[in-house]
Amino acid sequence: MHLAGAVVLTDREFNRATRARQLPLARSPLGLTTAIDRLAGLQAQYSPAPYVALWTRLGSFTRDDLTRALRRRAGK
């Protein structure tokens, strides 16, 4: 179903938009909470994975950021 005036993406554009939303293309200045909200459970099945996933995506992320957030049950 197409909506009037809707933009239809090519497969390549859709793939690129999805990857941009998941932040693997470049490190982002997003805060920890915003990034976690955006990424949800991405790579969280293996405990070290969220640390690596956030480090590769966020410019100012440190391991202690996530550890503190988990202990507080909140992000910065």
C-alpha atoms as a PDB file:
ATOM      1  CA  MET A   1       0.000   0.000   0.000  1.00  0.00           C
ATOM      2  CA  HIS A   2       1.364   3.423  -0.956  1.00  0.00           C
ATOM      3  CA  LEU A   3       0.276   6.604   0.755  1.00  0.00           C
ATOM      4  CA  ALA A   4      -0.101   9.755  -1.298  1.00  0.00           C
ATOM      5  CA  GLY A   5       3.105  11.776  -1.108  1.00  0.00           C
ATOM      6  CA  ALA A   6       5.003   9.020   0.716  1.00  0.00           C
ATOM      7  CA  VAL A   7       8.646   8.550  -0.162  1.00  0.00           C
ATOM      8  CA  VAL A   8       9.454   5.043  -1.356  1.00  0.00           C
ATOM      9  CA  LEU A   9      13.000   3.994  -0.559  1.00  0.00           C
ATOM     10  CA  THR A  10      15.082   1.669  -2.659  1.00  0.00           C
ATOM     11  CA  ASP A  11      16.462  -1.406  -0.906  1.00  0.00           C
ATOM     12  CA  ARG A  12      19.855   0.326  -0.668  1.00  0.00           C
ATOM     13  CA  GLU A  13      18.336   3.506   0.827  1.00  0.00           C
ATOM     14  CA  PHE A  14      16.310   1.465   3.305  1.00  0.00           C
ATOM     15  CA  ASN A  15      19.396  -0.520   4.336  1.00  0.00           C
ATOM     16  CA  ARG A  16      21.395   2.693   4.784  1.00  0.00           C
ATOM     17  CA  ALA A  17      18.628   4.343   6.842  1.00  0.00           C
ATOM     18  CA  THR A  18      18.356   1.275   9.069  1.00  0.00           C
ATOM     19  CA  ARG A  19      22.109   1.198   9.616  1.00  0.00           C
ATOM     20  CA  ALA A  20      22.178   4.934  10.378  1.00  0.00           C
ATOM     21  CA  ARG A  21      19.454   4.457  13.011  1.00  0.00           C
ATOM     22  CA  GLN A  22      21.462   1.631  14.619  1.00  0.00           C
ATOM     23  CA  LEU A  23      24.596   3.844  14.717  1.00  0.00           C
ATOM     24  CA  PRO A  24      27.287   1.564  13.242  1.00  0.00           C
ATOM     25  CA  LEU A  25      28.256   3.990  10.465  1.00  0.00           C
ATOM     26  CA  ALA A  26      29.970   6.624  12.620  1.00  0.00           C
ATOM     27  CA  ARG A  27      30.450   7.361  16.303  1.00  0.00           C
ATOM     28  CA  SER A  28      27.617   9.486  17.647  1.00  0.00           C
ATOM     29  CA  PRO A  29      27.468  12.250  20.276  1.00  0.00           C
ATOM     30  CA  LEU A  30      24.220  10.762  21.669  1.00  0.00           C
ATOM     31  CA  GLY A  31      23.931  10.309  25.410  1.00  0.00           C
ATOM     32  CA  LEU A  32      23.883   6.837  26.868  1.00  0.00           C
ATOM     33  CA  THR A  33      20.137   6.758  27.617  1.00  0.00           C
ATOM     34  CA  THR A  34      19.194   7.971  24.139  1.00  0.00           C
ATOM     35  CA  ALA A  35      21.493   5.433  22.511  1.00  0.00           C
ATOM     36  CA  ILE A  36      20.150   2.574  24.622  1.00  0.00           C
ATOM     37  CA  ASP A  37      16.568   3.628  23.867  1.00  0.00           C
ATOM     38  CA  ARG A  38      17.378   3.653  20.161  1.00  0.00           C
ATOM     39  CA  LEU A  39      19.284   0.366  20.160  1.00  0.00           C
ATOM     40  CA  ALA A  40      16.995  -1.517  22.600  1.00  0.00           C
ATOM     41  CA  GLY A  41      18.257  -5.091  23.019  1.00  0.00           C
ATOM     42  CA  LEU A  42      20.726  -4.961  20.158  1.00  0.00           C
ATOM     43  CA  GLN A  43      23.620  -7.297  20.985  1.00  0.00           C
ATOM     44  CA  ALA A  44      22.596  -7.619  24.632  1.00  0.00           C
ATOM     45  CA  GLN A  45      22.375 -11.406  24.704  1.00  0.00           C
ATOM     46  CA  TYR A  46      26.098 -11.769  25.507  1.00  0.00           C
ATOM     47  CA  SER A  47      27.092  -9.602  28.465  1.00  0.00           C
ATOM     48  CA  PRO A  48      30.271  -7.964  27.024  1.00  0.00           C
ATOM     49  CA  ALA A  49      28.486  -7.156  23.758  1.00  0.00           C
ATOM     50  CA  PRO A  50      26.559  -4.042  24.931  1.00  0.00           C
ATOM     51  CA  TYR A  51      29.815  -2.468  26.099  1.00  0.00           C
ATOM     52  CA  VAL A  52      31.461  -3.042  22.727  1.00  0.00           C
ATOM     53  CA  ALA A  53      28.333  -2.045  20.799  1.00  0.00           C
ATOM     54  CA  LEU A  54      28.015   1.274  22.664  1.00  0.00           C
ATOM     55  CA  TRP A  55      31.752   1.996  22.543  1.00  0.00           C
ATOM     56  CA  THR A  56      31.773   1.633  18.759  1.00  0.00           C
ATOM     57  CA  ARG A  57      28.729   3.872  18.380  1.00  0.00           C
ATOM     58  CA  LEU A  58      29.172   6.675  20.937  1.00  0.00           C
ATOM     59  CA  GLY A  59      32.018   9.170  20.785  1.00  0.00           C
ATOM     60  CA  SER A  60      32.395   9.750  24.527  1.00  0.00           C
ATOM     61  CA  PHE A  61      31.378   6.323  25.879  1.00  0.00           C
ATOM     62  CA  THR A  62      33.451   4.592  28.532  1.00  0.00           C
ATOM     63  CA  ARG A  63      32.923   1.190  30.104  1.00  0.00           C
ATOM     64  CA  ASP A  64      32.152   2.813  33.440  1.00  0.00           C
ATOM     65  CA  ASP A  65      29.297   4.827  31.867  1.00  0.00           C
ATOM     66  CA  LEU A  66      27.263   1.691  31.232  1.00  0.00           C
ATOM     67  CA  THR A  67      28.287   0.015  34.480  1.00  0.00           C
ATOM     68  CA  ARG A  68      27.145   3.071  36.481  1.00  0.00           C
ATOM     69  CA  ALA A  69      23.928   3.332  34.467  1.00  0.00           C
ATOM     70  CA  LEU A  70      23.127  -0.324  35.087  1.00  0.00           C
ATOM     71  CA  ARG A  71      23.760   0.099  38.790  1.00  0.00           C
ATOM     72  CA  ARG A  72      21.537   3.205  38.870  1.00  0.00           C
ATOM     73  CA  ARG A  73      19.089   1.679  36.368  1.00  0.00           C
ATOM     74  CA  ALA A  74      19.354   4.867  34.326  1.00  0.00           C
ATOM     75  CA  GLY A  75      21.606   6.536  31.768  1.00  0.00           C
ATOM     76  CA  LYS A  76      23.374   9.869  31.840  1.00  0.00           C
END
